[in-house]
Amino acid sequence: MSQHLESSKGNKDRDVNIIVNARPKKFDGDRISYEEVIELAFPGQFDPNIVYTIAYAGPQTPDGTLVAGQSVAIRNGMKFDVNKTNRS
């Protein structure tokens, strides 16, 4: 399930500057989910008939990918590349 943009933990609540599809974005929290990255990349355009692939890279973070249901700890300057493809 998707996490809310606001963290309820109370510690480390802060905006993190990330890059999504070459566009700077601010995100409040320490982790970001697959669904949240898609919403930042394509606001209001989620389509269940689309396959989304998310690759990320960041400072002091190993490169990786996100799939539905996953989340990743984020740091300032992390980059996310989101691509969508129609299911065939």
N, C-alpha and C. Protein backbone atom coordinates (compact mmCIF):
# COMPACT_ATOMS: atom_id res chain seq x y z
N MET A 1 0.83 -1.18 0.00
CA MET A 1 0.00 0.00 0.00
C MET A 1 0.87 1.24 0.00
N SER A 2 0.35 2.30 -0.52
CA SER A 2 1.07 3.55 -0.62
C SER A 2 1.15 4.25 0.73
N GLN A 3 2.31 4.81 1.02
CA GLN A 3 2.45 5.59 2.24
C GLN A 3 1.95 7.00 1.98
N HIS A 4 1.55 7.68 3.04
CA HIS A 4 1.12 9.06 2.90
C HIS A 4 2.34 9.95 2.72
N LEU A 5 2.15 11.11 2.09
CA LEU A 5 3.25 12.02 1.88
C LEU A 5 3.76 12.59 3.20
N GLU A 6 2.96 12.54 4.25
CA GLU A 6 3.39 13.03 5.55
C GLU A 6 3.74 11.85 6.43
N SER A 7 4.87 11.94 7.11
CA SER A 7 5.28 10.88 8.02
C SER A 7 4.64 11.11 9.38
N SER A 8 4.19 10.04 10.02
CA SER A 8 3.57 10.18 11.33
C SER A 8 4.57 9.87 12.44
N LYS A 9 5.82 9.59 12.10
CA LYS A 9 6.80 9.22 13.10
C LYS A 9 7.26 10.40 13.94
N GLY A 10 7.19 11.61 13.39
CA GLY A 10 7.59 12.78 14.15
C GLY A 10 9.07 13.06 14.11
N ASN A 11 9.90 12.07 13.84
CA ASN A 11 11.33 12.32 13.75
C ASN A 11 11.74 12.41 12.29
N LYS A 12 12.60 13.33 12.00
CA LYS A 12 13.14 13.50 10.65
C LYS A 12 12.08 13.90 9.62
N ASP A 13 10.99 14.55 10.04
CA ASP A 13 10.05 15.06 9.05
C ASP A 13 10.71 16.24 8.35
N ARG A 14 10.95 16.13 7.07
CA ARG A 14 11.61 17.19 6.33
C ARG A 14 11.38 16.97 4.85
N ASP A 15 11.50 18.05 4.10
CA ASP A 15 11.42 17.92 2.65
C ASP A 15 12.76 17.40 2.13
N VAL A 16 12.68 16.44 1.24
CA VAL A 16 13.85 15.90 0.57
C VAL A 16 13.76 16.32 -0.89
N ASN A 17 14.84 16.82 -1.43
CA ASN A 17 14.88 17.22 -2.84
C ASN A 17 15.31 16.03 -3.68
N ILE A 18 14.43 15.60 -4.57
CA ILE A 18 14.73 14.48 -5.46
C ILE A 18 14.48 14.92 -6.90
N ILE A 19 14.92 14.11 -7.84
CA ILE A 19 14.71 14.37 -9.27
C ILE A 19 13.88 13.22 -9.83
N VAL A 20 12.75 13.54 -10.45
CA VAL A 20 11.88 12.53 -11.05
C VAL A 20 11.72 12.89 -12.52
N ASN A 21 12.21 12.00 -13.40
CA ASN A 21 12.17 12.25 -14.86
C ASN A 21 12.76 13.63 -15.19
N ALA A 22 13.92 13.90 -14.61
CA ALA A 22 14.71 15.12 -14.87
C ALA A 22 14.05 16.39 -14.31
N ARG A 23 13.02 16.25 -13.48
CA ARG A 23 12.37 17.43 -12.89
C ARG A 23 12.57 17.41 -11.37
N PRO A 24 13.00 18.54 -10.80
CA PRO A 24 13.16 18.59 -9.34
C PRO A 24 11.81 18.50 -8.63
N LYS A 25 11.77 17.72 -7.57
CA LYS A 25 10.55 17.55 -6.77
C LYS A 25 10.94 17.60 -5.30
N LYS A 26 10.01 18.03 -4.46
CA LYS A 26 10.20 17.97 -3.01
C LYS A 26 9.29 16.87 -2.47
N PHE A 27 9.80 16.11 -1.52
CA PHE A 27 9.02 15.04 -0.93
C PHE A 27 9.22 15.07 0.57
N ASP A 28 8.15 14.96 1.34
CA ASP A 28 8.22 14.98 2.80
C ASP A 28 8.26 13.56 3.33
N GLY A 29 9.40 13.16 3.84
CA GLY A 29 9.52 11.83 4.42
C GLY A 29 10.88 11.22 4.16
N ASP A 30 11.09 10.07 4.76
CA ASP A 30 12.36 9.34 4.64
C ASP A 30 12.31 8.23 3.61
N ARG A 31 11.09 7.79 3.25
CA ARG A 31 10.93 6.70 2.27
C ARG A 31 9.90 7.14 1.25
N ILE A 32 10.03 6.61 0.03
CA ILE A 32 9.05 6.89 -1.02
C ILE A 32 8.65 5.56 -1.65
N SER A 33 7.36 5.42 -1.94
CA SER A 33 6.86 4.17 -2.50
C SER A 33 6.80 4.23 -4.02
N TYR A 34 6.67 3.07 -4.59
CA TYR A 34 6.49 2.92 -6.05
C TYR A 34 5.35 3.82 -6.52
N GLU A 35 4.21 3.73 -5.84
CA GLU A 35 3.03 4.50 -6.25
C GLU A 35 3.27 6.00 -6.12
N GLU A 36 3.98 6.43 -5.09
CA GLU A 36 4.25 7.85 -4.90
C GLU A 36 5.18 8.39 -5.98
N VAL A 37 6.16 7.59 -6.40
CA VAL A 37 7.05 8.02 -7.49
C VAL A 37 6.26 8.18 -8.78
N ILE A 38 5.36 7.24 -9.07
CA ILE A 38 4.52 7.34 -10.28
C ILE A 38 3.68 8.60 -10.24
N GLU A 39 3.09 8.91 -9.08
CA GLU A 39 2.26 10.11 -8.96
C GLU A 39 3.09 11.38 -9.19
N LEU A 40 4.34 11.40 -8.72
CA LEU A 40 5.20 12.56 -8.97
C LEU A 40 5.58 12.66 -10.45
N ALA A 41 5.77 11.52 -11.10
CA ALA A 41 6.17 11.51 -12.51
C ALA A 41 5.01 11.85 -13.44
N PHE A 42 3.83 11.30 -13.14
CA PHE A 42 2.65 11.47 -13.99
C PHE A 42 1.44 11.80 -13.13
N PRO A 43 1.35 13.04 -12.60
CA PRO A 43 0.27 13.38 -11.66
C PRO A 43 -1.12 13.10 -12.24
N GLY A 44 -1.91 12.33 -11.49
CA GLY A 44 -3.28 12.05 -11.87
C GLY A 44 -3.46 11.18 -13.09
N GLN A 45 -2.40 10.54 -13.57
CA GLN A 45 -2.48 9.76 -14.81
C GLN A 45 -2.30 8.26 -14.60
N PHE A 46 -2.38 7.76 -13.37
CA PHE A 46 -2.17 6.33 -13.16
C PHE A 46 -3.19 5.53 -13.96
N ASP A 47 -2.72 4.51 -14.64
CA ASP A 47 -3.58 3.66 -15.48
C ASP A 47 -3.18 2.21 -15.24
N PRO A 48 -4.12 1.36 -14.81
CA PRO A 48 -3.78 -0.04 -14.56
C PRO A 48 -3.38 -0.81 -15.81
N ASN A 49 -3.64 -0.25 -16.99
CA ASN A 49 -3.24 -0.91 -18.24
C ASN A 49 -1.83 -0.53 -18.67
N ILE A 50 -1.15 0.23 -17.84
CA ILE A 50 0.21 0.68 -18.14
C ILE A 50 1.17 -0.05 -17.19
N VAL A 51 2.29 -0.50 -17.74
CA VAL A 51 3.37 -1.07 -16.93
C VAL A 51 4.36 0.05 -16.67
N TYR A 52 4.63 0.34 -15.39
CA TYR A 52 5.57 1.38 -15.02
C TYR A 52 6.87 0.74 -14.56
N THR A 53 7.98 1.22 -15.07
CA THR A 53 9.28 0.77 -14.59
C THR A 53 9.97 1.97 -13.95
N ILE A 54 10.53 1.73 -12.77
CA ILE A 54 11.18 2.80 -12.02
C ILE A 54 12.60 2.36 -11.69
N ALA A 55 13.56 3.15 -12.14
CA ALA A 55 14.96 2.95 -11.80
C ALA A 55 15.40 4.15 -10.98
N TYR A 56 16.27 3.92 -10.00
CA TYR A 56 16.75 5.03 -9.19
C TYR A 56 18.25 4.93 -8.96
N ALA A 57 18.83 6.08 -8.70
CA ALA A 57 20.25 6.19 -8.37
C ALA A 57 20.39 7.37 -7.43
N GLY A 58 21.35 7.29 -6.55
CA GLY A 58 21.50 8.41 -5.65
C GLY A 58 22.82 8.43 -4.94
N PRO A 59 23.07 9.57 -4.32
CA PRO A 59 24.31 9.67 -3.55
C PRO A 59 24.27 8.72 -2.36
N GLN A 60 25.31 7.96 -2.18
CA GLN A 60 25.46 7.03 -1.06
C GLN A 60 24.33 6.01 -1.00
N THR A 61 23.73 5.72 -2.16
CA THR A 61 22.66 4.73 -2.24
C THR A 61 22.93 3.84 -3.45
N PRO A 62 22.88 2.52 -3.29
CA PRO A 62 23.07 1.66 -4.47
C PRO A 62 21.95 1.88 -5.49
N ASP A 63 22.29 1.82 -6.76
CA ASP A 63 21.28 1.93 -7.81
C ASP A 63 20.32 0.75 -7.68
N GLY A 64 19.06 0.98 -8.09
CA GLY A 64 18.10 -0.10 -8.00
C GLY A 64 16.84 0.19 -8.78
N THR A 65 15.86 -0.67 -8.60
CA THR A 65 14.55 -0.51 -9.23
C THR A 65 13.47 -0.68 -8.17
N LEU A 66 12.32 -0.10 -8.45
CA LEU A 66 11.15 -0.24 -7.58
C LEU A 66 10.05 -0.95 -8.35
N VAL A 67 9.34 -1.83 -7.67
CA VAL A 67 8.16 -2.47 -8.26
C VAL A 67 6.98 -2.23 -7.33
N ALA A 68 5.78 -2.51 -7.80
CA ALA A 68 4.56 -2.28 -7.02
C ALA A 68 4.69 -2.87 -5.63
N GLY A 69 4.31 -2.07 -4.63
CA GLY A 69 4.36 -2.52 -3.25
C GLY A 69 5.66 -2.25 -2.53
N GLN A 70 6.69 -1.82 -3.25
CA GLN A 70 7.98 -1.54 -2.62
C GLN A 70 8.14 -0.06 -2.32
N SER A 71 9.07 0.23 -1.41
CA SER A 71 9.47 1.60 -1.15
C SER A 71 10.98 1.61 -0.94
N VAL A 72 11.57 2.80 -0.96
CA VAL A 72 13.01 2.92 -0.81
C VAL A 72 13.30 4.15 0.06
N ALA A 73 14.35 4.05 0.88
CA ALA A 73 14.79 5.20 1.65
C ALA A 73 15.36 6.23 0.67
N ILE A 74 15.02 7.50 0.91
CA ILE A 74 15.47 8.53 -0.03
C ILE A 74 16.43 9.49 0.64
N ARG A 75 17.29 10.09 -0.21
CA ARG A 75 18.25 11.10 0.21
C ARG A 75 18.17 12.26 -0.76
N ASN A 76 18.59 13.42 -0.28
CA ASN A 76 18.66 14.58 -1.17
C ASN A 76 19.47 14.23 -2.41
N GLY A 77 18.95 14.59 -3.57
CA GLY A 77 19.67 14.39 -4.82
C GLY A 77 19.42 13.07 -5.51
N MET A 78 18.60 12.18 -4.92
CA MET A 78 18.31 10.92 -5.61
C MET A 78 17.57 11.19 -6.90
N LYS A 79 17.84 10.36 -7.90
CA LYS A 79 17.20 10.49 -9.21
C LYS A 79 16.36 9.26 -9.49
N PHE A 80 15.13 9.51 -9.97
CA PHE A 80 14.20 8.45 -10.35
C PHE A 80 13.83 8.61 -11.80
N ASP A 81 13.95 7.54 -12.57
CA ASP A 81 13.52 7.53 -13.97
C ASP A 81 12.31 6.61 -14.07
N VAL A 82 11.17 7.17 -14.49
CA VAL A 82 9.92 6.42 -14.58
C VAL A 82 9.51 6.34 -16.03
N ASN A 83 9.32 5.13 -16.51
CA ASN A 83 8.87 4.91 -17.90
C ASN A 83 7.57 4.12 -17.86
N LYS A 84 6.72 4.38 -18.85
CA LYS A 84 5.47 3.62 -18.93
C LYS A 84 5.34 3.00 -20.31
N THR A 85 4.76 1.78 -20.31
CA THR A 85 4.57 1.02 -21.53
C THR A 85 3.19 0.39 -21.49
N ASN A 86 2.47 0.43 -22.62
CA ASN A 86 1.17 -0.23 -22.68
C ASN A 86 1.35 -1.74 -22.59
N ARG A 87 0.43 -2.39 -21.89
CA ARG A 87 0.45 -3.87 -21.84
C ARG A 87 0.01 -4.37 -23.22
N SER A 88 0.65 -5.43 -23.69
CA SER A 88 0.24 -5.93 -25.01
C SER A 88 -0.55 -7.19 -24.91
